[in-house]
Amino acid sequence: MCIGNIQIGSLDRASMSAVIFEGLTIQTAEGKPALLAIVDEDGNIIETGEQVAKEAWNVAIASYKNFLIGEGHMRIHTSPPGLKFLTIEKKSAKNGKPEKLAA
């Protein structure tokens, strides 16, 4: 997958580009700025925006770095595998720390 020619340009209605000091840039076919989104199997958008692009970029770079140092077989995770994501329901007005974390 990583060794050999890398095929890009397969999107019909958008384009992606990257520069090492900028990360990912996404545009519509008309050249307008666009956002990346994470969509679950039911079609629900669960994450979107610049942070999704940053996370995708960081995971790709981490994976590539592992490949370069001979650890290309290692999988990169954005959170520990097997653990549910924690979401902060609301912040306490007293100390600015979360009152409750929901798993």
PDB file of N, CA and C in Angstrom:
ATOM      1  N   MET A   1       0.817  -1.187   0.000  1.00  0.00           N
ATOM      2  CA  MET A   1       0.000   0.000   0.000  1.00  0.00           C
ATOM      3  C   MET A   1       0.863   1.254   0.000  1.00  0.00           C
ATOM      4  N   CYS A   2       1.894   1.287   0.800  1.00  0.00           N
ATOM      5  CA  CYS A   2       2.722   2.475   0.901  1.00  0.00           C
ATOM      6  C   CYS A   2       3.906   2.422  -0.049  1.00  0.00           C
ATOM      7  N   ILE A   3       4.337   1.233  -0.406  1.00  0.00           N
ATOM      8  CA  ILE A   3       5.506   1.103  -1.260  1.00  0.00           C
ATOM      9  C   ILE A   3       5.046   1.096  -2.708  1.00  0.00           C
ATOM     10  N   GLY A   4       5.760   1.816  -3.541  1.00  0.00           N
ATOM     11  CA  GLY A   4       5.401   1.913  -4.951  1.00  0.00           C
ATOM     12  C   GLY A   4       4.666   3.208  -5.231  1.00  0.00           C
ATOM     13  N   ASN A   5       4.045   3.269  -6.390  1.00  0.00           N
ATOM     14  CA  ASN A   5       3.311   4.471  -6.773  1.00  0.00           C
ATOM     15  C   ASN A   5       2.086   4.661  -5.895  1.00  0.00           C
ATOM     16  N   ILE A   6       1.881   5.889  -5.466  1.00  0.00           N
ATOM     17  CA  ILE A   6       0.705   6.233  -4.676  1.00  0.00           C
ATOM     18  C   ILE A   6      -0.267   6.954  -5.596  1.00  0.00           C
ATOM     19  N   GLN A   7      -1.461   6.419  -5.729  1.00  0.00           N
ATOM     20  CA  GLN A   7      -2.449   7.016  -6.626  1.00  0.00           C
ATOM     21  C   GLN A   7      -3.253   8.067  -5.880  1.00  0.00           C
ATOM     22  N   ILE A   8      -3.339   9.250  -6.436  1.00  0.00           N
ATOM     23  CA  ILE A   8      -4.156  10.329  -5.888  1.00  0.00           C
ATOM     24  C   ILE A   8      -5.035  10.884  -7.002  1.00  0.00           C
ATOM     25  N   GLY A   9      -5.972  11.731  -6.639  1.00  0.00           N
ATOM     26  CA  GLY A   9      -6.837  12.358  -7.638  1.00  0.00           C
ATOM     27  C   GLY A   9      -8.058  11.548  -7.992  1.00  0.00           C
ATOM     28  N   SER A  10      -8.513  10.686  -7.085  1.00  0.00           N
ATOM     29  CA  SER A  10      -9.653   9.821  -7.388  1.00  0.00           C
ATOM     30  C   SER A  10     -11.004  10.433  -7.009  1.00  0.00           C
ATOM     31  N   LEU A  11     -11.005  11.620  -6.412  1.00  0.00           N
ATOM     32  CA  LEU A  11     -12.266  12.243  -5.994  1.00  0.00           C
ATOM     33  C   LEU A  11     -12.882  13.027  -7.151  1.00  0.00           C
ATOM     34  N   ASP A  12     -14.199  12.916  -7.304  1.00  0.00           N
ATOM     35  CA  ASP A  12     -14.898  13.608  -8.397  1.00  0.00           C
ATOM     36  C   ASP A  12     -15.340  15.020  -8.017  1.00  0.00           C
ATOM     37  N   ARG A  13     -15.736  15.221  -6.758  1.00  0.00           N
ATOM     38  CA  ARG A  13     -16.330  16.504  -6.373  1.00  0.00           C
ATOM     39  C   ARG A  13     -15.506  17.296  -5.380  1.00  0.00           C
ATOM     40  N   ALA A  14     -14.279  16.837  -5.113  1.00  0.00           N
ATOM     41  CA  ALA A  14     -13.419  17.544  -4.170  1.00  0.00           C
ATOM     42  C   ALA A  14     -11.966  17.211  -4.473  1.00  0.00           C
ATOM     43  N   SER A  15     -11.083  17.997  -3.903  1.00  0.00           N
ATOM     44  CA  SER A  15      -9.651  17.695  -4.026  1.00  0.00           C
ATOM     45  C   SER A  15      -8.998  17.915  -2.674  1.00  0.00           C
ATOM     46  N   MET A  16      -7.920  17.178  -2.462  1.00  0.00           N
ATOM     47  CA  MET A  16      -7.158  17.299  -1.229  1.00  0.00           C
ATOM     48  C   MET A  16      -5.713  17.571  -1.606  1.00  0.00           C
ATOM     49  N   SER A  17      -5.071  18.387  -0.789  1.00  0.00           N
ATOM     50  CA  SER A  17      -3.644  18.619  -0.972  1.00  0.00           C
ATOM     51  C   SER A  17      -3.013  18.701   0.404  1.00  0.00           C
ATOM     52  N   ALA A  18      -1.691  18.591   0.432  1.00  0.00           N
ATOM     53  CA  ALA A  18      -0.997  18.636   1.701  1.00  0.00           C
ATOM     54  C   ALA A  18       0.394  19.227   1.508  1.00  0.00           C
ATOM     55  N   VAL A  19       0.815  19.993   2.488  1.00  0.00           N
ATOM     56  CA  VAL A  19       2.169  20.509   2.596  1.00  0.00           C
ATOM     57  C   VAL A  19       2.590  20.231   4.032  1.00  0.00           C
ATOM     58  N   ILE A  20       3.804  19.783   4.215  1.00  0.00           N
ATOM     59  CA  ILE A  20       4.233  19.317   5.526  1.00  0.00           C
ATOM     60  C   ILE A  20       4.025  20.350   6.630  1.00  0.00           C
ATOM     61  N   PHE A  21       4.155  21.636   6.331  1.00  0.00           N
ATOM     62  CA  PHE A  21       4.002  22.659   7.370  1.00  0.00           C
ATOM     63  C   PHE A  21       2.590  23.228   7.436  1.00  0.00           C
ATOM     64  N   GLU A  22       1.664  22.719   6.615  1.00  0.00           N
ATOM     65  CA  GLU A  22       0.273  23.184   6.638  1.00  0.00           C
ATOM     66  C   GLU A  22      -0.724  22.082   6.953  1.00  0.00           C
ATOM     67  N   GLY A  23      -0.386  20.840   6.671  1.00  0.00           N
ATOM     68  CA  GLY A  23      -1.341  19.749   6.842  1.00  0.00           C
ATOM     69  C   GLY A  23      -2.229  19.599   5.624  1.00  0.00           C
ATOM     70  N   LEU A  24      -3.422  19.067   5.838  1.00  0.00           N
ATOM     71  CA  LEU A  24      -4.357  18.809   4.746  1.00  0.00           C
ATOM     72  C   LEU A  24      -5.157  20.049   4.386  1.00  0.00           C
ATOM     73  N   THR A  25      -5.405  20.228   3.093  1.00  0.00           N
ATOM     74  CA  THR A  25      -6.301  21.261   2.596  1.00  0.00           C
ATOM     75  C   THR A  25      -7.326  20.566   1.718  1.00  0.00           C
ATOM     76  N   ILE A  26      -8.592  20.869   1.932  1.00  0.00           N
ATOM     77  CA  ILE A  26      -9.670  20.244   1.181  1.00  0.00           C
ATOM     78  C   ILE A  26     -10.454  21.328   0.467  1.00  0.00           C
ATOM     79  N   GLN A  27     -10.759  21.092  -0.814  1.00  0.00           N
ATOM     80  CA  GLN A  27     -11.536  22.050  -1.604  1.00  0.00           C
ATOM     81  C   GLN A  27     -12.591  21.311  -2.409  1.00  0.00           C
ATOM     82  N   THR A  28     -13.676  22.038  -2.710  1.00  0.00           N
ATOM     83  CA  THR A  28     -14.674  21.497  -3.629  1.00  0.00           C
ATOM     84  C   THR A  28     -14.105  21.553  -5.038  1.00  0.00           C
ATOM     85  N   ALA A  29     -14.781  20.912  -5.973  1.00  0.00           N
ATOM     86  CA  ALA A  29     -14.344  20.940  -7.367  1.00  0.00           C
ATOM     87  C   ALA A  29     -14.329  22.369  -7.908  1.00  0.00           C
ATOM     88  N   GLU A  30     -15.142  23.245  -7.316  1.00  0.00           N
ATOM     89  CA  GLU A  30     -15.201  24.647  -7.742  1.00  0.00           C
ATOM     90  C   GLU A  30     -14.118  25.496  -7.078  1.00  0.00           C
ATOM     91  N   GLY A  31     -13.327  24.901  -6.196  1.00  0.00           N
ATOM     92  CA  GLY A  31     -12.252  25.625  -5.531  1.00  0.00           C
ATOM     93  C   GLY A  31     -12.623  26.264  -4.207  1.00  0.00           C
ATOM     94  N   LYS A  32     -13.822  26.006  -3.719  1.00  0.00           N
ATOM     95  CA  LYS A  32     -14.243  26.553  -2.431  1.00  0.00           C
ATOM     96  C   LYS A  32     -13.694  25.689  -1.294  1.00  0.00           C
ATOM     97  N   PRO A  33     -13.383  26.309  -0.143  1.00  0.00           N
ATOM     98  CA  PRO A  33     -12.905  25.520   1.001  1.00  0.00           C
ATOM     99  C   PRO A  33     -13.950  24.495   1.436  1.00  0.00           C
ATOM    100  N   ALA A  34     -13.484  23.336   1.869  1.00  0.00           N
ATOM    101  CA  ALA A  34     -14.381  22.282   2.339  1.00  0.00           C
ATOM    102  C   ALA A  34     -13.812  21.695   3.631  1.00  0.00           C
ATOM    103  N   LEU A  35     -14.624  20.935   4.343  1.00  0.00           N
ATOM    104  CA  LEU A  35     -14.238  20.315   5.609  1.00  0.00           C
ATOM    105  C   LEU A  35     -14.288  18.802   5.488  1.00  0.00           C
ATOM    106  N   LEU A  36     -13.475  18.131   6.262  1.00  0.00           N
ATOM    107  CA  LEU A  36     -13.578  16.682   6.380  1.00  0.00           C
ATOM    108  C   LEU A  36     -14.593  16.347   7.461  1.00  0.00           C
ATOM    109  N   ALA A  37     -15.217  15.181   7.339  1.00  0.00           N
ATOM    110  CA  ALA A  37     -16.170  14.728   8.349  1.00  0.00           C
ATOM    111  C   ALA A  37     -15.985  13.234   8.567  1.00  0.00           C
ATOM    112  N   ILE A  38     -16.342  12.792   9.755  1.00  0.00           N
ATOM    113  CA  ILE A  38     -16.387  11.370  10.057  1.00  0.00           C
ATOM    114  C   ILE A  38     -17.871  10.995  10.103  1.00  0.00           C
ATOM    115  N   VAL A  39     -18.230  10.024   9.273  1.00  0.00           N
ATOM    116  CA  VAL A  39     -19.623   9.621   9.123  1.00  0.00           C
ATOM    117  C   VAL A  39     -19.727   8.160   9.535  1.00  0.00           C
ATOM    118  N   ASP A  40     -20.686   7.857  10.431  1.00  0.00           N
ATOM    119  CA  ASP A  40     -20.838   6.457  10.849  1.00  0.00           C
ATOM    120  C   ASP A  40     -21.570   5.663   9.768  1.00  0.00           C
ATOM    121  N   GLU A  41     -21.697   4.370   9.976  1.00  0.00           N
ATOM    122  CA  GLU A  41     -22.289   3.512   8.950  1.00  0.00           C
ATOM    123  C   GLU A  41     -23.770   3.807   8.691  1.00  0.00           C
ATOM    124  N   ASP A  42     -24.425   4.538   9.592  1.00  0.00           N
ATOM    125  CA  ASP A  42     -25.821   4.918   9.383  1.00  0.00           C
ATOM    126  C   ASP A  42     -25.957   6.272   8.694  1.00  0.00           C
ATOM    127  N   GLY A  43     -24.830   6.899   8.352  1.00  0.00           N
ATOM    128  CA  GLY A  43     -24.866   8.176   7.662  1.00  0.00           C
ATOM    129  C   GLY A  43     -24.886   9.388   8.581  1.00  0.00           C
ATOM    130  N   ASN A  44     -24.715   9.174   9.886  1.00  0.00           N
ATOM    131  CA  ASN A  44     -24.693  10.285  10.829  1.00  0.00           C
ATOM    132  C   ASN A  44     -23.302  10.902  10.879  1.00  0.00           C
ATOM    133  N   ILE A  45     -23.246  12.235  10.790  1.00  0.00           N
ATOM    134  CA  ILE A  45     -21.977  12.931  10.923  1.00  0.00           C
ATOM    135  C   ILE A  45     -21.664  13.015  12.405  1.00  0.00           C
ATOM    136  N   ILE A  46     -20.537  12.423  12.823  1.00  0.00           N
ATOM    137  CA  ILE A  46     -20.216  12.401  14.247  1.00  0.00           C
ATOM    138  C   ILE A  46     -19.063  13.339  14.606  1.00  0.00           C
ATOM    139  N   GLU A  47     -18.261  13.737  13.627  1.00  0.00           N
ATOM    140  CA  GLU A  47     -17.200  14.722  13.823  1.00  0.00           C
ATOM    141  C   GLU A  47     -17.032  15.454  12.503  1.00  0.00           C
ATOM    142  N   THR A  48     -16.721  16.735  12.563  1.00  0.00           N
ATOM    143  CA  THR A  48     -16.456  17.489  11.351  1.00  0.00           C
ATOM    144  C   THR A  48     -15.594  18.694  11.681  1.00  0.00           C
ATOM    145  N   GLY A  49     -14.950  19.207  10.683  1.00  0.00           N
ATOM    146  CA  GLY A  49     -14.204  20.440  10.856  1.00  0.00           C
ATOM    147  C   GLY A  49     -12.703  20.297  10.764  1.00  0.00           C
ATOM    148  N   GLU A  50     -12.032  21.373  11.089  1.00  0.00           N
ATOM    149  CA  GLU A  50     -10.575  21.436  10.985  1.00  0.00           C
ATOM    150  C   GLU A  50      -9.890  20.404  11.872  1.00  0.00           C
ATOM    151  N   GLN A  51     -10.459  20.113  13.035  1.00  0.00           N
ATOM    152  CA  GLN A  51      -9.832  19.149  13.940  1.00  0.00           C
ATOM    153  C   GLN A  51      -9.798  17.752  13.326  1.00  0.00           C
ATOM    154  N   VAL A  52     -10.807  17.400  12.512  1.00  0.00           N
ATOM    155  CA  VAL A  52     -10.804  16.097  11.838  1.00  0.00           C
ATOM    156  C   VAL A  52      -9.635  16.034  10.852  1.00  0.00           C
ATOM    157  N   ALA A  53      -9.424  17.104  10.105  1.00  0.00           N
ATOM    158  CA  ALA A  53      -8.299  17.139   9.165  1.00  0.00           C
ATOM    159  C   ALA A  53      -6.967  17.057   9.903  1.00  0.00           C
ATOM    160  N   LYS A  54      -6.853  17.769  11.020  1.00  0.00           N
ATOM    161  CA  LYS A  54      -5.609  17.722  11.802  1.00  0.00           C
ATOM    162  C   LYS A  54      -5.352  16.314  12.329  1.00  0.00           C
ATOM    163  N   GLU A  55      -6.395  15.666  12.825  1.00  0.00           N
ATOM    164  CA  GLU A  55      -6.243  14.309  13.362  1.00  0.00           C
ATOM    165  C   GLU A  55      -5.863  13.332  12.251  1.00  0.00           C
ATOM    166  N   ALA A  56      -6.518  13.434  11.093  1.00  0.00           N
ATOM    167  CA  ALA A  56      -6.190  12.563   9.960  1.00  0.00           C
ATOM    168  C   ALA A  56      -4.736  12.772   9.537  1.00  0.00           C
ATOM    169  N   TRP A  57      -4.305  14.015   9.477  1.00  0.00           N
ATOM    170  CA  TRP A  57      -2.929  14.335   9.111  1.00  0.00           C
ATOM    171  C   TRP A  57      -1.952  13.748  10.126  1.00  0.00           C
ATOM    172  N   ASN A  58      -2.213  13.946  11.411  1.00  0.00           N
ATOM    173  CA  ASN A  58      -1.312  13.456  12.452  1.00  0.00           C
ATOM    174  C   ASN A  58      -1.217  11.935  12.453  1.00  0.00           C
ATOM    175  N   VAL A  59      -2.328  11.251  12.239  1.00  0.00           N
ATOM    176  CA  VAL A  59      -2.309   9.787  12.182  1.00  0.00           C
ATOM    177  C   VAL A  59      -1.504   9.323  10.965  1.00  0.00           C
ATOM    178  N   ALA A  60      -1.690   9.981   9.822  1.00  0.00           N
ATOM    179  CA  ALA A  60      -0.941   9.616   8.621  1.00  0.00           C
ATOM    180  C   ALA A  60       0.560   9.835   8.818  1.00  0.00           C
ATOM    181  N   ILE A  61       0.936  10.966   9.398  1.00  0.00           N
ATOM    182  CA  ILE A  61       2.349  11.259   9.631  1.00  0.00           C
ATOM    183  C   ILE A  61       2.947  10.273  10.632  1.00  0.00           C
ATOM    184  N   ALA A  62       2.225   9.965  11.712  1.00  0.00           N
ATOM    185  CA  ALA A  62       2.716   9.008  12.706  1.00  0.00           C
ATOM    186  C   ALA A  62       2.916   7.629  12.077  1.00  0.00           C
ATOM    187  N   SER A  63       1.993   7.219  11.234  1.00  0.00           N
ATOM    188  CA  SER A  63       2.105   5.930  10.566  1.00  0.00           C
ATOM    189  C   SER A  63       3.323   5.916   9.643  1.00  0.00           C
ATOM    190  N   TYR A  64       3.520   6.994   8.909  1.00  0.00           N
ATOM    191  CA  TYR A  64       4.663   7.093   8.000  1.00  0.00           C
ATOM    192  C   TYR A  64       5.983   7.092   8.773  1.00  0.00           C
ATOM    193  N   LYS A  65       6.030   7.811   9.886  1.00  0.00           N
ATOM    194  CA  LYS A  65       7.243   7.820  10.710  1.00  0.00           C
ATOM    195  C   LYS A  65       7.558   6.408  11.206  1.00  0.00           C
ATOM    196  N   ASN A  66       6.544   5.672  11.647  1.00  0.00           N
ATOM    197  CA  ASN A  66       6.759   4.291  12.081  1.00  0.00           C
ATOM    198  C   ASN A  66       7.303   3.440  10.940  1.00  0.00           C
ATOM    199  N   PHE A  67       6.798   3.664   9.744  1.00  0.00           N
ATOM    200  CA  PHE A  67       7.296   2.932   8.579  1.00  0.00           C
ATOM    201  C   PHE A  67       8.774   3.240   8.350  1.00  0.00           C
ATOM    202  N   LEU A  68       9.148   4.511   8.437  1.00  0.00           N
ATOM    203  CA  LEU A  68      10.532   4.906   8.187  1.00  0.00           C
ATOM    204  C   LEU A  68      11.509   4.329   9.211  1.00  0.00           C
ATOM    205  N   ILE A  69      11.055   4.164  10.455  1.00  0.00           N
ATOM    206  CA  ILE A  69      11.962   3.632  11.475  1.00  0.00           C
ATOM    207  C   ILE A  69      11.827   2.116  11.618  1.00  0.00           C
ATOM    208  N   GLY A  70      11.146   1.492  10.664  1.00  0.00           N
ATOM    209  CA  GLY A  70      11.060   0.037  10.667  1.00  0.00           C
ATOM    210  C   GLY A  70       9.965  -0.524  11.526  1.00  0.00           C
ATOM    211  N   GLU A  71       9.019   0.296  11.919  1.00  0.00           N
ATOM    212  CA  GLU A  71       7.899  -0.176  12.724  1.00  0.00           C
ATOM    213  C   GLU A  71       6.584   0.030  11.972  1.00  0.00           C
ATOM    214  N   GLY A  72       6.630  -0.130  10.657  1.00  0.00           N
ATOM    215  CA  GLY A  72       5.462   0.107   9.816  1.00  0.00           C
ATOM    216  C   GLY A  72       4.304  -0.830  10.075  1.00  0.00           C
ATOM    217  N   HIS A  73       4.569  -1.917  10.793  1.00  0.00           N
ATOM    218  CA  HIS A  73       3.503  -2.867  11.109  1.00  0.00           C
ATOM    219  C   HIS A  73       2.630  -2.379  12.261  1.00  0.00           C
ATOM    220  N   MET A  74       3.048  -1.310  12.934  1.00  0.00           N
ATOM    221  CA  MET A  74       2.305  -0.822  14.094  1.00  0.00           C
ATOM    222  C   MET A  74       1.125   0.042  13.659  1.00  0.00           C
ATOM    223  N   ARG A  75      -0.020  -0.159  14.282  1.00  0.00           N
ATOM    224  CA  ARG A  75      -1.218   0.613  13.979  1.00  0.00           C
ATOM    225  C   ARG A  75      -1.253   1.848  14.876  1.00  0.00           C
ATOM    226  N   ILE A  76      -1.623   2.984  14.300  1.00  0.00           N
ATOM    227  CA  ILE A  76      -1.736   4.234  15.046  1.00  0.00           C
ATOM    228  C   ILE A  76      -3.190   4.420  15.456  1.00  0.00           C
ATOM    229  N   HIS A  77      -3.429   4.686  16.743  1.00  0.00           N
ATOM    230  CA  HIS A  77      -4.777   4.919  17.263  1.00  0.00           C
ATOM    231  C   HIS A  77      -4.905   6.351  17.762  1.00  0.00           C
ATOM    232  N   THR A  78      -6.091   6.926  17.621  1.00  0.00           N
ATOM    233  CA  THR A  78      -6.323   8.262  18.164  1.00  0.00           C
ATOM    234  C   THR A  78      -6.731   8.220  19.621  1.00  0.00           C
ATOM    235  N   SER A  79      -7.068   7.037  20.111  1.00  0.00           N
ATOM    236  CA  SER A  79      -7.350   6.834  21.532  1.00  0.00           C
ATOM    237  C   SER A  79      -7.032   5.366  21.833  1.00  0.00           C
ATOM    238  N   PRO A  80      -6.847   5.009  23.088  1.00  0.00           N
ATOM    239  CA  PRO A  80      -6.516   3.622  23.405  1.00  0.00           C
ATOM    240  C   PRO A  80      -7.580   2.655  22.898  1.00  0.00           C
ATOM    241  N   PRO A  81      -7.185   1.612  22.156  1.00  0.00           N
ATOM    242  CA  PRO A  81      -8.175   0.664  21.640  1.00  0.00           C
ATOM    243  C   PRO A  81      -8.878  -0.074  22.771  1.00  0.00           C
ATOM    244  N   GLY A  82     -10.150  -0.354  22.577  1.00  0.00           N
ATOM    245  CA  GLY A  82     -10.916  -1.092  23.574  1.00  0.00           C
ATOM    246  C   GLY A  82     -11.577  -0.222  24.623  1.00  0.00           C
ATOM    247  N   LEU A  83     -11.235   1.063  24.678  1.00  0.00           N
ATOM    248  CA  LEU A  83     -11.857   1.954  25.650  1.00  0.00           C
ATOM    249  C   LEU A  83     -12.892   2.816  24.956  1.00  0.00           C
ATOM    250  N   LYS A  84     -13.992   3.064  25.644  1.00  0.00           N
ATOM    251  CA  LYS A  84     -15.011   3.940  25.090  1.00  0.00           C
ATOM    252  C   LYS A  84     -14.530   5.376  25.151  1.00  0.00           C
ATOM    253  N   PHE A  85     -15.012   6.176  24.215  1.00  0.00           N
ATOM    254  CA  PHE A  85     -14.666   7.586  24.225  1.00  0.00           C
ATOM    255  C   PHE A  85     -15.332   8.265  25.410  1.00  0.00           C
ATOM    256  N   LEU A  86     -14.598   9.132  26.067  1.00  0.00           N
ATOM    257  CA  LEU A  86     -15.155   9.901  27.167  1.00  0.00           C
ATOM    258  C   LEU A  86     -15.585  11.254  26.629  1.00  0.00           C
ATOM    259  N   THR A  87     -16.763  11.692  27.015  1.00  0.00           N
ATOM    260  CA  THR A  87     -17.232  13.011  26.603  1.00  0.00           C
ATOM    261  C   THR A  87     -17.537  13.822  27.837  1.00  0.00           C
ATOM    262  N   ILE A  88     -17.197  15.067  27.781  1.00  0.00           N
ATOM    263  CA  ILE A  88     -17.459  15.972  28.895  1.00  0.00           C
ATOM    264  C   ILE A  88     -18.867  16.517  28.727  1.00  0.00           C
ATOM    265  N   GLU A  89     -19.724  16.270  29.714  1.00  0.00           N
ATOM    266  CA  GLU A  89     -21.098  16.731  29.618  1.00  0.00           C
ATOM    267  C   GLU A  89     -21.214  18.215  29.917  1.00  0.00           C
ATOM    268  N   LYS A  90     -20.584  18.699  30.969  1.00  0.00           N
ATOM    269  CA  LYS A  90     -20.599  20.132  31.264  1.00  0.00           C
ATOM    270  C   LYS A  90     -19.486  20.462  32.238  1.00  0.00           C
ATOM    271  N   LYS A  91     -19.095  21.708  32.265  1.00  0.00           N
ATOM    272  CA  LYS A  91     -18.033  22.147  33.160  1.00  0.00           C
ATOM    273  C   LYS A  91     -18.621  22.747  34.426  1.00  0.00           C
ATOM    274  N   SER A  92     -17.910  22.593  35.489  1.00  0.00           N
ATOM    275  CA  SER A  92     -18.311  23.178  36.759  1.00  0.00           C
ATOM    276  C   SER A  92     -18.028  24.667  36.740  1.00  0.00           C
ATOM    277  N   ALA A  93     -18.934  25.454  37.240  1.00  0.00           N
ATOM    278  CA  ALA A  93     -18.736  26.900  37.307  1.00  0.00           C
ATOM    279  C   ALA A  93     -17.724  27.268  38.387  1.00  0.00           C
ATOM    280  N   LYS A  94     -17.475  26.359  39.325  1.00  0.00           N
ATOM    281  CA  LYS A  94     -16.588  26.658  40.448  1.00  0.00           C
ATOM    282  C   LYS A  94     -15.114  26.658  40.056  1.00  0.00           C
ATOM    283  N   ASN A  95     -14.641  25.565  39.481  1.00  0.00           N
ATOM    284  CA  ASN A  95     -13.217  25.437  39.222  1.00  0.00           C
ATOM    285  C   ASN A  95     -12.851  25.205  37.767  1.00  0.00           C
ATOM    286  N   GLY A  96     -13.801  25.226  36.858  1.00  0.00           N
ATOM    287  CA  GLY A  96     -13.521  25.033  35.435  1.00  0.00           C
ATOM    288  C   GLY A  96     -13.232  23.595  35.044  1.00  0.00           C
ATOM    289  N   LYS A  97     -13.331  22.646  35.982  1.00  0.00           N
ATOM    290  CA  LYS A  97     -13.079  21.236  35.687  1.00  0.00           C
ATOM    291  C   LYS A  97     -14.400  20.553  35.374  1.00  0.00           C
ATOM    292  N   PRO A  98     -14.348  19.486  34.602  1.00  0.00           N
ATOM    293  CA  PRO A  98     -15.588  18.776  34.275  1.00  0.00           C
ATOM    294  C   PRO A  98     -16.257  18.208  35.523  1.00  0.00           C
ATOM    295  N   GLU A  99     -17.587  18.329  35.569  1.00  0.00           N
ATOM    296  CA  GLU A  99     -18.331  17.754  36.690  1.00  0.00           C
ATOM    297  C   GLU A  99     -18.496  16.255  36.513  1.00  0.00           C
ATOM    298  N   LYS A 100     -18.758  15.826  35.254  1.00  0.00           N
ATOM    299  CA  LYS A 100     -19.087  14.429  35.022  1.00  0.00           C
ATOM    300  C   LYS A 100     -18.531  13.998  33.685  1.00  0.00           C
ATOM    301  N   LEU A 101     -17.941  12.822  33.635  1.00  0.00           N
ATOM    302  CA  LEU A 101     -17.507  12.225  32.393  1.00  0.00           C
ATOM    303  C   LEU A 101     -18.406  11.038  32.118  1.00  0.00           C
ATOM    304  N   ALA A 102     -18.909  10.948  30.911  1.00  0.00           N
ATOM    305  CA  ALA A 102     -19.781   9.829  30.547  1.00  0.00           C
ATOM    306  C   ALA A 102     -19.050   8.912  29.599  1.00  0.00           C
ATOM    307  N   ALA A 103     -19.098   7.620  29.851  1.00  0.00           N
ATOM    308  CA  ALA A 103     -18.435   6.656  28.962  1.00  0.00           C
ATOM    309  C   ALA A 103     -19.410   6.224  27.893  1.00  0.00           C
TER     310      ALA A 103
END
